[in-house]
């Protein structure tokens, strides 16, 4: 007797579509990630995924969303670092996640490689912005304490000094935090993995 344990059985008469609840008979059906679905629902899922794939028209909104998300994440990271006097590198994941989420939200759930690239770029910029916030706070506080001069975070002196010490502010761990951030940013607007198999 041959072994048929690896053969997927046809759905029974009682099986229903996992999406709409319609009873699926022994006729044609589709498996969506291991779940039975009727053909209309399967085609609707496929059409929806294609409709949400990033087009050129969605890129400006994607950039706005990435910028807003990264800015929020950078503010959180800088705020925690300033408040605790300690850089908690794992918060970089939040920066990447928020950049990716901003991209996805403002494009109406869009996905695809262009959106992933935008999310990664803004996540990286968000980390630089967080570093700048931490530096600007510490530098202006030091100048006020040592010289009695009150500088703004975006004064010429602060910007110039940041430019001079920029490379010294990033060490080996910062590369690790960058990796965490861009990985999180890349995943959020990635294309959903849907396995479709007609039976």
C-alpha atoms as a PDB file:
ATOM      1  CA  UNK A   1       0.000   0.000   0.000  1.00  0.00           C
ATOM      2  CA  UNK A   2       1.445   3.346  -0.986  1.00  0.00           C
ATOM      3  CA  UNK A   3       1.975   6.072   1.599  1.00  0.00           C
ATOM      4  CA  UNK A   4      -0.353   9.043   0.930  1.00  0.00           C
ATOM      5  CA  UNK A   5       0.333  10.922   4.185  1.00  0.00           C
ATOM      6  CA  UNK A   6       1.912  13.858   2.342  1.00  0.00           C
ATOM      7  CA  UNK A   7      -0.985  14.363  -0.097  1.00  0.00           C
ATOM      8  CA  UNK A   8      -3.328  17.235   0.773  1.00  0.00           C
ATOM      9  CA  UNK A   9      -6.911  15.974   0.680  1.00  0.00           C
ATOM     10  CA  UNK A  10      -9.626  17.784  -1.282  1.00  0.00           C
ATOM     11  CA  UNK A  11     -11.873  19.883   0.916  1.00  0.00           C
ATOM     12  CA  UNK A  12     -14.905  18.132   2.331  1.00  0.00           C
ATOM     13  CA  UNK A  13     -18.401  19.334   1.560  1.00  0.00           C
ATOM     14  CA  UNK A  14     -18.454  21.028   4.948  1.00  0.00           C
ATOM     15  CA  UNK A  15     -15.295  23.086   4.323  1.00  0.00           C
ATOM     16  CA  UNK A  16     -15.867  26.809   4.026  1.00  0.00           C
ATOM     17  CA  UNK A  17     -13.917  29.708   2.575  1.00  0.00           C
ATOM     18  CA  UNK A  18     -11.752  31.195   5.311  1.00  0.00           C
ATOM     19  CA  UNK A  19     -12.536  34.705   4.048  1.00  0.00           C
ATOM     20  CA  UNK A  20     -16.254  34.833   3.272  1.00  0.00           C
ATOM     21  CA  UNK A  21     -17.603  31.655   4.885  1.00  0.00           C
ATOM     22  CA  UNK A  22     -19.067  30.276   1.654  1.00  0.00           C
ATOM     23  CA  UNK A  23     -19.268  26.490   1.628  1.00  0.00           C
ATOM     24  CA  UNK A  24     -16.659  25.064  -0.748  1.00  0.00           C
ATOM     25  CA  UNK A  25     -17.764  21.890  -2.491  1.00  0.00           C
ATOM     26  CA  UNK A  26     -15.515  19.404  -4.198  1.00  0.00           C
ATOM     27  CA  UNK A  27     -15.098  21.761  -7.144  1.00  0.00           C
ATOM     28  CA  UNK A  28     -12.380  24.339  -7.774  1.00  0.00           C
ATOM     29  CA  UNK A  29     -10.844  26.121  -4.809  1.00  0.00           C
ATOM     30  CA  UNK A  30      -7.642  27.895  -3.831  1.00  0.00           C
ATOM     31  CA  UNK A  31      -5.339  27.418  -0.864  1.00  0.00           C
ATOM     32  CA  UNK A  32      -4.253  30.751   0.673  1.00  0.00           C
ATOM     33  CA  UNK A  33      -1.383  30.215   3.095  1.00  0.00           C
ATOM     34  CA  UNK A  34      -2.788  26.794   3.911  1.00  0.00           C
ATOM     35  CA  UNK A  35      -6.425  27.909   4.235  1.00  0.00           C
ATOM     36  CA  UNK A  36      -9.259  26.983   1.896  1.00  0.00           C
ATOM     37  CA  UNK A  37     -10.669  29.930  -0.067  1.00  0.00           C
ATOM     38  CA  UNK A  38     -13.217  30.185  -2.817  1.00  0.00           C
ATOM     39  CA  UNK A  39     -11.954  31.438  -6.176  1.00  0.00           C
ATOM     40  CA  UNK A  40     -13.693  34.867  -6.001  1.00  0.00           C
ATOM     41  CA  UNK A  41     -12.071  35.636  -2.634  1.00  0.00           C
ATOM     42  CA  UNK A  42      -8.677  34.443  -3.843  1.00  0.00           C
ATOM     43  CA  UNK A  43      -8.889  36.688  -6.905  1.00  0.00           C
ATOM     44  CA  UNK A  44      -9.985  39.599  -4.701  1.00  0.00           C
ATOM     45  CA  UNK A  45      -6.953  39.113  -2.435  1.00  0.00           C
ATOM     46  CA  UNK A  46      -4.661  39.014  -5.453  1.00  0.00           C
ATOM     47  CA  UNK A  47      -6.244  42.152  -6.941  1.00  0.00           C
ATOM     48  CA  UNK A  48      -5.990  43.994  -3.604  1.00  0.00           C
ATOM     49  CA  UNK A  49      -2.299  43.150  -3.278  1.00  0.00           C
ATOM     50  CA  UNK A  50      -1.644  44.419  -6.782  1.00  0.00           C
ATOM     51  CA  UNK A  51      -3.637  47.600  -6.132  1.00  0.00           C
ATOM     52  CA  UNK A  52      -1.571  48.329  -3.018  1.00  0.00           C
ATOM     53  CA  UNK A  53       1.759  47.824  -4.767  1.00  0.00           C
ATOM     54  CA  UNK A  54       3.608  51.143  -4.751  1.00  0.00           C
ATOM     55  CA  UNK A  55       3.304  53.303  -7.823  1.00  0.00           C
ATOM     56  CA  UNK A  56       5.071  56.546  -8.684  1.00  0.00           C
ATOM     57  CA  UNK A  57       2.102  58.557  -7.420  1.00  0.00           C
ATOM     58  CA  UNK A  58       2.467  57.191  -3.891  1.00  0.00           C
ATOM     59  CA  UNK A  59       6.143  58.113  -3.462  1.00  0.00           C
ATOM     60  CA  UNK A  60       5.635  61.703  -2.199  1.00  0.00           C
ATOM     61  CA  UNK A  61       3.242  60.472   0.487  1.00  0.00           C
ATOM     62  CA  UNK A  62       5.659  57.670   1.309  1.00  0.00           C
ATOM     63  CA  UNK A  63       8.453  60.177   1.841  1.00  0.00           C
ATOM     64  CA  UNK A  64       6.244  62.355   4.034  1.00  0.00           C
ATOM     65  CA  UNK A  65       5.206  59.333   6.089  1.00  0.00           C
ATOM     66  CA  UNK A  66       8.790  58.139   6.414  1.00  0.00           C
ATOM     67  CA  UNK A  67       9.927  61.581   7.522  1.00  0.00           C
ATOM     68  CA  UNK A  68       7.169  61.927  10.127  1.00  0.00           C
ATOM     69  CA  UNK A  69       7.679  58.430  11.491  1.00  0.00           C
ATOM     70  CA  UNK A  70      11.454  58.785  11.658  1.00  0.00           C
ATOM     71  CA  UNK A  71      11.160  62.204  13.322  1.00  0.00           C
ATOM     72  CA  UNK A  72       8.866  60.798  15.999  1.00  0.00           C
ATOM     73  CA  UNK A  73      11.198  57.866  16.607  1.00  0.00           C
ATOM     74  CA  UNK A  74      14.231  60.168  16.732  1.00  0.00           C
ATOM     75  CA  UNK A  75      12.496  62.426  19.259  1.00  0.00           C
ATOM     76  CA  UNK A  76      11.692  59.439  21.470  1.00  0.00           C
ATOM     77  CA  UNK A  77      15.251  58.109  21.310  1.00  0.00           C
ATOM     78  CA  UNK A  78      16.834  61.514  21.947  1.00  0.00           C
ATOM     79  CA  UNK A  79      14.383  62.203  24.771  1.00  0.00           C
ATOM     80  CA  UNK A  80      15.158  58.902  26.491  1.00  0.00           C
ATOM     81  CA  UNK A  81      18.896  59.426  26.068  1.00  0.00           C
ATOM     82  CA  UNK A  82      18.775  62.988  27.403  1.00  0.00           C
ATOM     83  CA  UNK A  83      16.543  61.987  30.308  1.00  0.00           C
ATOM     84  CA  UNK A  84      18.539  58.923  31.356  1.00  0.00           C
ATOM     85  CA  UNK A  85      22.000  60.132  30.254  1.00  0.00           C
ATOM     86  CA  UNK A  86      22.350  56.783  28.507  1.00  0.00           C
ATOM     87  CA  UNK A  87      21.864  55.835  24.855  1.00  0.00           C
ATOM     88  CA  UNK A  88      19.593  52.826  24.711  1.00  0.00           C
ATOM     89  CA  UNK A  89      20.478  51.475  21.309  1.00  0.00           C
ATOM     90  CA  UNK A  90      17.536  49.117  21.006  1.00  0.00           C
ATOM     91  CA  UNK A  91      15.271  52.151  20.668  1.00  0.00           C
ATOM     92  CA  UNK A  92      16.751  52.376  17.158  1.00  0.00           C
ATOM     93  CA  UNK A  93      14.361  49.555  16.257  1.00  0.00           C
ATOM     94  CA  UNK A  94      11.509  51.910  17.125  1.00  0.00           C
ATOM     95  CA  UNK A  95      12.933  54.559  14.801  1.00  0.00           C
ATOM     96  CA  UNK A  96      12.987  52.072  11.918  1.00  0.00           C
ATOM     97  CA  UNK A  97       9.567  50.663  12.746  1.00  0.00           C
ATOM     98  CA  UNK A  98       7.976  54.117  12.896  1.00  0.00           C
ATOM     99  CA  UNK A  99       9.629  55.165   9.628  1.00  0.00           C
ATOM    100  CA  UNK A 100       8.255  52.055   7.918  1.00  0.00           C
ATOM    101  CA  UNK A 101       4.854  52.466   9.549  1.00  0.00           C
ATOM    102  CA  UNK A 102       4.659  56.102   8.433  1.00  0.00           C
ATOM    103  CA  UNK A 103       5.400  55.032   4.875  1.00  0.00           C
ATOM    104  CA  UNK A 104       2.768  52.317   4.969  1.00  0.00           C
ATOM    105  CA  UNK A 105       0.061  54.406   6.641  1.00  0.00           C
ATOM    106  CA  UNK A 106       0.299  57.412   4.364  1.00  0.00           C
ATOM    107  CA  UNK A 107       0.221  55.226   1.251  1.00  0.00           C
ATOM    108  CA  UNK A 108      -2.920  53.447   2.409  1.00  0.00           C
ATOM    109  CA  UNK A 109      -1.214  50.178   3.241  1.00  0.00           C
ATOM    110  CA  UNK A 110       1.087  50.297   0.238  1.00  0.00           C
ATOM    111  CA  UNK A 111       3.951  47.884  -0.157  1.00  0.00           C
ATOM    112  CA  UNK A 112       6.824  47.100  -2.457  1.00  0.00           C
ATOM    113  CA  UNK A 113      10.514  47.691  -2.970  1.00  0.00           C
ATOM    114  CA  UNK A 114      10.356  51.489  -3.589  1.00  0.00           C
ATOM    115  CA  UNK A 115       8.537  52.010  -0.286  1.00  0.00           C
ATOM    116  CA  UNK A 116      11.011  49.786   1.530  1.00  0.00           C
ATOM    117  CA  UNK A 117      13.915  51.853   0.211  1.00  0.00           C
ATOM    118  CA  UNK A 118      12.219  55.082   1.289  1.00  0.00           C
ATOM    119  CA  UNK A 119      11.602  53.655   4.768  1.00  0.00           C
ATOM    120  CA  UNK A 120      15.253  52.619   5.110  1.00  0.00           C
ATOM    121  CA  UNK A 121      16.533  56.033   4.001  1.00  0.00           C
ATOM    122  CA  UNK A 122      14.351  57.886   6.485  1.00  0.00           C
ATOM    123  CA  UNK A 123      15.122  55.443   9.282  1.00  0.00           C
ATOM    124  CA  UNK A 124      18.828  56.160   8.735  1.00  0.00           C
ATOM    125  CA  UNK A 125      18.173  59.906   8.716  1.00  0.00           C
ATOM    126  CA  UNK A 126      16.136  59.457  11.886  1.00  0.00           C
ATOM    127  CA  UNK A 127      19.136  57.949  13.666  1.00  0.00           C
ATOM    128  CA  UNK A 128      21.282  60.892  12.595  1.00  0.00           C
ATOM    129  CA  UNK A 129      18.575  63.279  13.797  1.00  0.00           C
ATOM    130  CA  UNK A 130      18.467  61.529  17.174  1.00  0.00           C
ATOM    131  CA  UNK A 131      22.235  61.804  17.475  1.00  0.00           C
ATOM    132  CA  UNK A 132      22.009  65.485  16.630  1.00  0.00           C
ATOM    133  CA  UNK A 133      19.351  66.067  19.273  1.00  0.00           C
ATOM    134  CA  UNK A 134      21.483  64.396  21.929  1.00  0.00           C
ATOM    135  CA  UNK A 135      24.574  66.321  20.845  1.00  0.00           C
ATOM    136  CA  UNK A 136      22.766  69.673  20.607  1.00  0.00           C
ATOM    137  CA  UNK A 137      21.370  69.302  24.109  1.00  0.00           C
ATOM    138  CA  UNK A 138      24.705  68.353  25.657  1.00  0.00           C
ATOM    139  CA  UNK A 139      26.707  70.944  23.715  1.00  0.00           C
ATOM    140  CA  UNK A 140      24.433  73.892  24.442  1.00  0.00           C
ATOM    141  CA  UNK A 141      24.256  72.915  28.120  1.00  0.00           C
ATOM    142  CA  UNK A 142      28.061  72.716  28.279  1.00  0.00           C
ATOM    143  CA  UNK A 143      28.545  76.102  26.573  1.00  0.00           C
ATOM    144  CA  UNK A 144      26.034  77.709  28.936  1.00  0.00           C
ATOM    145  CA  UNK A 145      27.738  76.199  31.973  1.00  0.00           C
ATOM    146  CA  UNK A 146      31.326  76.887  30.897  1.00  0.00           C
ATOM    147  CA  UNK A 147      30.996  80.208  29.092  1.00  0.00           C
ATOM    148  CA  UNK A 148      27.633  81.556  30.171  1.00  0.00           C
ATOM    149  CA  UNK A 149      26.540  81.801  26.536  1.00  0.00           C
ATOM    150  CA  UNK A 150      23.101  80.559  25.563  1.00  0.00           C
ATOM    151  CA  UNK A 151      23.052  78.878  22.163  1.00  0.00           C
ATOM    152  CA  UNK A 152      20.114  77.470  20.258  1.00  0.00           C
ATOM    153  CA  UNK A 153      20.023  73.871  19.104  1.00  0.00           C
ATOM    154  CA  UNK A 154      20.174  75.044  15.504  1.00  0.00           C
ATOM    155  CA  UNK A 155      22.590  77.919  15.942  1.00  0.00           C
ATOM    156  CA  UNK A 156      25.521  78.210  13.550  1.00  0.00           C
ATOM    157  CA  UNK A 157      27.937  77.279  16.333  1.00  0.00           C
ATOM    158  CA  UNK A 158      26.004  74.119  17.246  1.00  0.00           C
ATOM    159  CA  UNK A 159      25.651  72.995  13.648  1.00  0.00           C
ATOM    160  CA  UNK A 160      29.327  73.655  12.938  1.00  0.00           C
ATOM    161  CA  UNK A 161      30.475  71.728  15.990  1.00  0.00           C
ATOM    162  CA  UNK A 162      28.226  68.786  15.147  1.00  0.00           C
ATOM    163  CA  UNK A 163      29.733  68.675  11.663  1.00  0.00           C
ATOM    164  CA  UNK A 164      33.216  68.557  13.190  1.00  0.00           C
ATOM    165  CA  UNK A 165      32.493  65.746  15.654  1.00  0.00           C
ATOM    166  CA  UNK A 166      30.010  63.801  13.524  1.00  0.00           C
ATOM    167  CA  UNK A 167      32.293  60.887  12.651  1.00  0.00           C
ATOM    168  CA  UNK A 168      33.566  60.628  16.229  1.00  0.00           C
ATOM    169  CA  UNK A 169      30.031  60.142  17.543  1.00  0.00           C
ATOM    170  CA  UNK A 170      29.487  56.854  15.735  1.00  0.00           C
ATOM    171  CA  UNK A 171      31.099  53.662  16.978  1.00  0.00           C
ATOM    172  CA  UNK A 172      30.714  49.943  16.386  1.00  0.00           C
ATOM    173  CA  UNK A 173      27.510  49.667  18.378  1.00  0.00           C
ATOM    174  CA  UNK A 174      25.970  52.456  16.312  1.00  0.00           C
ATOM    175  CA  UNK A 175      26.406  50.297  13.213  1.00  0.00           C
ATOM    176  CA  UNK A 176      24.512  47.545  15.026  1.00  0.00           C
ATOM    177  CA  UNK A 177      21.692  49.950  15.940  1.00  0.00           C
ATOM    178  CA  UNK A 178      21.629  51.118  12.325  1.00  0.00           C
ATOM    179  CA  UNK A 179      21.252  47.513  11.184  1.00  0.00           C
ATOM    180  CA  UNK A 180      18.357  46.994  13.600  1.00  0.00           C
ATOM    181  CA  UNK A 181      16.665  50.192  12.431  1.00  0.00           C
ATOM    182  CA  UNK A 182      16.928  49.548   8.697  1.00  0.00           C
ATOM    183  CA  UNK A 183      15.817  45.930   9.131  1.00  0.00           C
ATOM    184  CA  UNK A 184      12.679  47.064  10.945  1.00  0.00           C
ATOM    185  CA  UNK A 185      12.055  49.791   8.376  1.00  0.00           C
ATOM    186  CA  UNK A 186      12.510  47.340   5.484  1.00  0.00           C
ATOM    187  CA  UNK A 187      10.057  44.794   6.828  1.00  0.00           C
ATOM    188  CA  UNK A 188       7.042  47.020   7.525  1.00  0.00           C
ATOM    189  CA  UNK A 189       6.195  48.050   3.925  1.00  0.00           C
ATOM    190  CA  UNK A 190       7.407  44.765   2.461  1.00  0.00           C
ATOM    191  CA  UNK A 191       5.147  42.826   0.122  1.00  0.00           C
ATOM    192  CA  UNK A 192       2.940  40.317   1.979  1.00  0.00           C
ATOM    193  CA  UNK A 193       3.940  36.711   1.468  1.00  0.00           C
ATOM    194  CA  UNK A 194       0.803  34.986   0.181  1.00  0.00           C
ATOM    195  CA  UNK A 195       1.087  31.411  -1.019  1.00  0.00           C
ATOM    196  CA  UNK A 196      -1.692  30.719  -3.538  1.00  0.00           C
ATOM    197  CA  UNK A 197      -2.245  27.253  -4.950  1.00  0.00           C
ATOM    198  CA  UNK A 198      -5.149  26.275  -7.158  1.00  0.00           C
ATOM    199  CA  UNK A 199      -6.663  22.829  -6.645  1.00  0.00           C
END
